Amino acid sequence: MMLRARLQLAAVALLMFVVGGCYLRDAFTPSARPPGDIPPREYVVEVTGYCPCRECCGWKRNWLGRPVFASGPLKGKRKIVGQTASGTMAKPGTIAADTSIFPFGTVIFVPGYGYGRVEDRGGDITGYRLDLFFRSHSSALKYGRQKQRVKVWFPPGKGPPPK
């Protein structure tokens, strides 16, 4: 009887680790930090939230039930839900931006959100707009649309766009 109880406890612990693994990974992954030797530049930008859902990321399921791009040049092609344009998986701290202004790897501090890194871009993200990643659609909607003064650290060798 004791062996059965121990096996059940081990199975529950394994299940919790497997199911919670992604959350644990994000909890222990260091967030984006700015380089200490470079002063930040400040910009006023429009900030919104997004999540990995169909509505925010423009995907749908095909007749086989697999996620595919819903529109654009990749319409109908396989979509890995949660994968950013830079190839990383989206997590809190992932920012979508117009990469002609804020290139991949740019570290940005947004008041009320914290530090993030530009890893994604979106079809509607043009100009001085940022989209911040949230885990749920309700959290992204709750964040809403805001004008924010943000601090920006560009990656080495990639400065700000010419004015």
C-alpha atoms as a PDB file:
ATOM      1  CA  MET A   1       0.000   0.000   0.000  1.00  0.00           C
ATOM      2  CA  MET A   2       2.830   2.433   0.836  1.00  0.00           C
ATOM      3  CA  LEU A   3       4.499   1.719  -2.498  1.00  0.00           C
ATOM      4  CA  ARG A   4       1.292   2.561  -4.362  1.00  0.00           C
ATOM      5  CA  ALA A   5       0.931   5.871  -2.501  1.00  0.00           C
ATOM      6  CA  ARG A   6       4.555   6.773  -3.274  1.00  0.00           C
ATOM      7  CA  LEU A   7       4.087   5.941  -6.949  1.00  0.00           C
ATOM      8  CA  GLN A   8       0.953   8.113  -7.087  1.00  0.00           C
ATOM      9  CA  LEU A   9       2.806  10.972  -5.406  1.00  0.00           C
ATOM     10  CA  ALA A  10       5.695  10.615  -7.867  1.00  0.00           C
ATOM     11  CA  ALA A  11       3.240  10.581 -10.798  1.00  0.00           C
ATOM     12  CA  VAL A  12       1.540  13.753  -9.560  1.00  0.00           C
ATOM     13  CA  ALA A  13       4.926  15.471  -9.067  1.00  0.00           C
ATOM     14  CA  LEU A  14       6.013  14.458 -12.587  1.00  0.00           C
ATOM     15  CA  LEU A  15       2.733  15.701 -14.051  1.00  0.00           C
ATOM     16  CA  MET A  16       3.116  19.048 -12.273  1.00  0.00           C
ATOM     17  CA  PHE A  17       6.668  19.382 -13.585  1.00  0.00           C
ATOM     18  CA  VAL A  18       5.643  18.557 -17.169  1.00  0.00           C
ATOM     19  CA  VAL A  19       2.592  20.835 -17.159  1.00  0.00           C
ATOM     20  CA  GLY A  20       4.315  23.658 -15.275  1.00  0.00           C
ATOM     21  CA  GLY A  21       7.653  23.288 -17.057  1.00  0.00           C
ATOM     22  CA  CYS A  22       7.126  26.266 -19.382  1.00  0.00           C
ATOM     23  CA  TYR A  23       6.106  28.479 -16.504  1.00  0.00           C
ATOM     24  CA  LEU A  24       9.064  27.348 -14.431  1.00  0.00           C
ATOM     25  CA  ARG A  25      11.413  28.015 -17.346  1.00  0.00           C
ATOM     26  CA  ASP A  26      10.120  31.570 -17.646  1.00  0.00           C
ATOM     27  CA  ALA A  27      10.296  32.126 -13.904  1.00  0.00           C
ATOM     28  CA  PHE A  28      14.013  31.297 -13.821  1.00  0.00           C
ATOM     29  CA  THR A  29      15.021  32.853 -17.137  1.00  0.00           C
ATOM     30  CA  PRO A  30      16.630  36.240 -16.548  1.00  0.00           C
ATOM     31  CA  SER A  31      14.674  39.062 -18.133  1.00  0.00           C
ATOM     32  CA  ALA A  32      16.207  41.519 -20.570  1.00  0.00           C
ATOM     33  CA  ARG A  33      18.651  43.898 -18.954  1.00  0.00           C
ATOM     34  CA  PRO A  34      20.179  46.982 -20.523  1.00  0.00           C
ATOM     35  CA  PRO A  35      23.914  47.307 -21.051  1.00  0.00           C
ATOM     36  CA  GLY A  36      25.367  49.261 -18.151  1.00  0.00           C
ATOM     37  CA  ASP A  37      27.782  51.356 -20.183  1.00  0.00           C
ATOM     38  CA  ILE A  38      25.318  52.797 -22.725  1.00  0.00           C
ATOM     39  CA  PRO A  39      22.952  55.620 -21.745  1.00  0.00           C
ATOM     40  CA  PRO A  40      19.302  55.082 -22.756  1.00  0.00           C
ATOM     41  CA  ARG A  41      17.441  57.122 -25.334  1.00  0.00           C
ATOM     42  CA  GLU A  42      13.899  58.167 -24.525  1.00  0.00           C
ATOM     43  CA  TYR A  43      10.951  57.945 -26.899  1.00  0.00           C
ATOM     44  CA  VAL A  44       7.222  58.512 -26.530  1.00  0.00           C
ATOM     45  CA  VAL A  45       5.466  55.546 -28.124  1.00  0.00           C
ATOM     46  CA  GLU A  46       2.013  54.004 -28.313  1.00  0.00           C
ATOM     47  CA  VAL A  47       1.977  50.734 -26.385  1.00  0.00           C
ATOM     48  CA  THR A  48      -0.537  47.876 -26.615  1.00  0.00           C
ATOM     49  CA  GLY A  49      -0.623  44.267 -25.461  1.00  0.00           C
ATOM     50  CA  TYR A  50      -0.812  40.974 -27.336  1.00  0.00           C
ATOM     51  CA  CYS A  51      -0.962  37.270 -26.517  1.00  0.00           C
ATOM     52  CA  PRO A  52      -0.425  34.085 -28.579  1.00  0.00           C
ATOM     53  CA  CYS A  53      -4.141  33.693 -29.405  1.00  0.00           C
ATOM     54  CA  ARG A  54      -5.635  33.585 -32.895  1.00  0.00           C
ATOM     55  CA  GLU A  55      -7.089  37.060 -32.629  1.00  0.00           C
ATOM     56  CA  CYS A  56      -3.810  38.723 -31.625  1.00  0.00           C
ATOM     57  CA  CYS A  57      -1.441  36.755 -33.848  1.00  0.00           C
ATOM     58  CA  GLY A  58      -3.470  36.114 -37.006  1.00  0.00           C
ATOM     59  CA  TRP A  59      -3.594  32.340 -37.200  1.00  0.00           C
ATOM     60  CA  LYS A  60      -6.347  29.781 -37.648  1.00  0.00           C
ATOM     61  CA  ARG A  61      -6.664  26.011 -37.795  1.00  0.00           C
ATOM     62  CA  ASN A  62      -6.756  24.218 -41.138  1.00  0.00           C
ATOM     63  CA  TRP A  63      -9.047  21.303 -41.913  1.00  0.00           C
ATOM     64  CA  LEU A  64      -6.605  18.959 -40.154  1.00  0.00           C
ATOM     65  CA  GLY A  65      -6.764  21.063 -37.001  1.00  0.00           C
ATOM     66  CA  ARG A  66      -3.212  22.380 -37.392  1.00  0.00           C
ATOM     67  CA  PRO A  67      -2.402  26.065 -36.850  1.00  0.00           C
ATOM     68  CA  VAL A  68      -1.661  27.983 -40.063  1.00  0.00           C
ATOM     69  CA  PHE A  69      -1.190  31.654 -40.969  1.00  0.00           C
ATOM     70  CA  ALA A  70      -4.594  33.231 -41.654  1.00  0.00           C
ATOM     71  CA  SER A  71      -3.387  35.959 -44.056  1.00  0.00           C
ATOM     72  CA  GLY A  72      -0.399  37.583 -45.673  1.00  0.00           C
ATOM     73  CA  PRO A  73       2.388  36.064 -47.772  1.00  0.00           C
ATOM     74  CA  LEU A  74       2.494  32.938 -45.568  1.00  0.00           C
ATOM     75  CA  LYS A  75      -1.278  32.330 -45.684  1.00  0.00           C
ATOM     76  CA  GLY A  76      -2.012  28.633 -45.237  1.00  0.00           C
ATOM     77  CA  LYS A  77       1.583  27.781 -44.221  1.00  0.00           C
ATOM     78  CA  ARG A  78       2.261  26.086 -40.889  1.00  0.00           C
ATOM     79  CA  LYS A  79       2.375  28.406 -37.874  1.00  0.00           C
ATOM     80  CA  ILE A  80       4.214  27.533 -34.679  1.00  0.00           C
ATOM     81  CA  VAL A  81       2.020  29.222 -32.079  1.00  0.00           C
ATOM     82  CA  GLY A  82       4.119  31.409 -29.801  1.00  0.00           C
ATOM     83  CA  GLN A  83       7.151  31.598 -32.088  1.00  0.00           C
ATOM     84  CA  THR A  84       8.348  35.131 -32.778  1.00  0.00           C
ATOM     85  CA  ALA A  85       9.693  36.576 -36.017  1.00  0.00           C
ATOM     86  CA  SER A  86      13.239  36.283 -34.632  1.00  0.00           C
ATOM     87  CA  GLY A  87      12.696  32.558 -33.976  1.00  0.00           C
ATOM     88  CA  THR A  88      12.444  32.648 -30.172  1.00  0.00           C
ATOM     89  CA  MET A  89       9.363  31.587 -28.233  1.00  0.00           C
ATOM     90  CA  ALA A  90       7.333  34.500 -26.874  1.00  0.00           C
ATOM     91  CA  LYS A  91       7.280  34.968 -23.109  1.00  0.00           C
ATOM     92  CA  PRO A  92       6.742  37.891 -20.752  1.00  0.00           C
ATOM     93  CA  GLY A  93       9.295  40.519 -21.746  1.00  0.00           C
ATOM     94  CA  THR A  94       8.907  39.857 -25.480  1.00  0.00           C
ATOM     95  CA  ILE A  95       8.192  43.025 -27.437  1.00  0.00           C
ATOM     96  CA  ALA A  96       6.929  43.377 -31.005  1.00  0.00           C
ATOM     97  CA  ALA A  97       8.044  46.539 -32.803  1.00  0.00           C
ATOM     98  CA  ASP A  98       8.735  48.056 -36.203  1.00  0.00           C
ATOM     99  CA  THR A  99      12.219  46.614 -36.735  1.00  0.00           C
ATOM    100  CA  SER A 100      13.219  49.466 -39.037  1.00  0.00           C
ATOM    101  CA  ILE A 101      13.075  51.695 -35.930  1.00  0.00           C
ATOM    102  CA  PHE A 102      13.736  49.245 -33.075  1.00  0.00           C
ATOM    103  CA  PRO A 103      15.791  46.301 -34.461  1.00  0.00           C
ATOM    104  CA  PHE A 104      15.745  42.804 -32.978  1.00  0.00           C
ATOM    105  CA  GLY A 105      17.672  42.740 -29.711  1.00  0.00           C
ATOM    106  CA  THR A 106      16.756  46.278 -28.669  1.00  0.00           C
ATOM    107  CA  VAL A 107      16.141  46.430 -24.904  1.00  0.00           C
ATOM    108  CA  ILE A 108      13.245  48.661 -23.854  1.00  0.00           C
ATOM    109  CA  PHE A 109      11.997  49.670 -20.403  1.00  0.00           C
ATOM    110  CA  VAL A 110       8.247  50.316 -20.318  1.00  0.00           C
ATOM    111  CA  PRO A 111       6.874  51.770 -17.046  1.00  0.00           C
ATOM    112  CA  GLY A 112       4.309  49.410 -15.543  1.00  0.00           C
ATOM    113  CA  TYR A 113       5.599  46.461 -17.619  1.00  0.00           C
ATOM    114  CA  GLY A 114       9.335  46.371 -17.010  1.00  0.00           C
ATOM    115  CA  TYR A 115      12.241  45.473 -19.257  1.00  0.00           C
ATOM    116  CA  GLY A 116      11.702  43.678 -22.530  1.00  0.00           C
ATOM    117  CA  ARG A 117      13.556  42.800 -25.706  1.00  0.00           C
ATOM    118  CA  VAL A 118      12.364  43.296 -29.285  1.00  0.00           C
ATOM    119  CA  GLU A 119      11.978  39.763 -30.665  1.00  0.00           C
ATOM    120  CA  ASP A 120       8.870  40.095 -32.812  1.00  0.00           C
ATOM    121  CA  ARG A 121       7.137  42.281 -35.378  1.00  0.00           C
ATOM    122  CA  GLY A 122       3.541  42.468 -36.461  1.00  0.00           C
ATOM    123  CA  GLY A 123       1.700  43.563 -39.573  1.00  0.00           C
ATOM    124  CA  ASP A 124       0.023  46.431 -37.717  1.00  0.00           C
ATOM    125  CA  ILE A 125       3.118  47.449 -35.759  1.00  0.00           C
ATOM    126  CA  THR A 126       4.496  50.392 -37.718  1.00  0.00           C
ATOM    127  CA  GLY A 127       6.242  53.539 -36.599  1.00  0.00           C
ATOM    128  CA  TYR A 128       6.649  54.311 -32.944  1.00  0.00           C
ATOM    129  CA  ARG A 129       4.371  51.548 -31.647  1.00  0.00           C
ATOM    130  CA  LEU A 130       5.180  48.643 -29.364  1.00  0.00           C
ATOM    131  CA  ASP A 131       3.227  45.479 -28.632  1.00  0.00           C
ATOM    132  CA  LEU A 132       3.981  43.852 -25.251  1.00  0.00           C
ATOM    133  CA  PHE A 133       3.532  40.097 -24.739  1.00  0.00           C
ATOM    134  CA  PHE A 134       1.063  38.869 -22.112  1.00  0.00           C
ATOM    135  CA  ARG A 135       0.194  35.243 -21.338  1.00  0.00           C
ATOM    136  CA  SER A 136      -3.567  35.711 -21.690  1.00  0.00           C
ATOM    137  CA  HIS A 137      -5.860  37.651 -23.978  1.00  0.00           C
ATOM    138  CA  SER A 138      -7.694  39.170 -21.013  1.00  0.00           C
ATOM    139  CA  SER A 139      -4.404  40.549 -19.613  1.00  0.00           C
ATOM    140  CA  ALA A 140      -3.509  42.046 -22.987  1.00  0.00           C
ATOM    141  CA  LEU A 141      -6.946  43.680 -23.276  1.00  0.00           C
ATOM    142  CA  LYS A 142      -6.763  44.922 -19.696  1.00  0.00           C
ATOM    143  CA  TYR A 143      -3.435  46.642 -20.473  1.00  0.00           C
ATOM    144  CA  GLY A 144      -5.183  48.487 -23.301  1.00  0.00           C
ATOM    145  CA  ARG A 145      -3.619  51.205 -25.465  1.00  0.00           C
ATOM    146  CA  GLN A 146      -1.354  53.752 -23.785  1.00  0.00           C
ATOM    147  CA  LYS A 147       1.089  56.506 -24.650  1.00  0.00           C
ATOM    148  CA  GLN A 148       4.275  55.854 -22.695  1.00  0.00           C
ATOM    149  CA  ARG A 149       7.690  57.443 -22.344  1.00  0.00           C
ATOM    150  CA  VAL A 150      10.067  54.489 -22.713  1.00  0.00           C
ATOM    151  CA  LYS A 151      13.815  54.060 -22.321  1.00  0.00           C
ATOM    152  CA  VAL A 152      15.585  52.329 -25.203  1.00  0.00           C
ATOM    153  CA  TRP A 153      19.002  50.653 -25.490  1.00  0.00           C
ATOM    154  CA  PHE A 154      19.892  49.724 -29.083  1.00  0.00           C
ATOM    155  CA  PRO A 155      22.015  46.640 -29.787  1.00  0.00           C
ATOM    156  CA  PRO A 156      25.734  47.264 -30.399  1.00  0.00           C
ATOM    157  CA  GLY A 157      26.362  48.485 -33.925  1.00  0.00           C
ATOM    158  CA  LYS A 158      22.714  49.398 -34.518  1.00  0.00           C
ATOM    159  CA  GLY A 159      21.886  52.918 -33.513  1.00  0.00           C
ATOM    160  CA  PRO A 160      18.663  54.855 -33.651  1.00  0.00           C
ATOM    161  CA  PRO A 161      17.062  55.566 -37.029  1.00  0.00           C
ATOM    162  CA  PRO A 162      17.946  58.869 -38.698  1.00  0.00           C
ATOM    163  CA  LYS A 163      15.436  61.628 -38.052  1.00  0.00           C
END
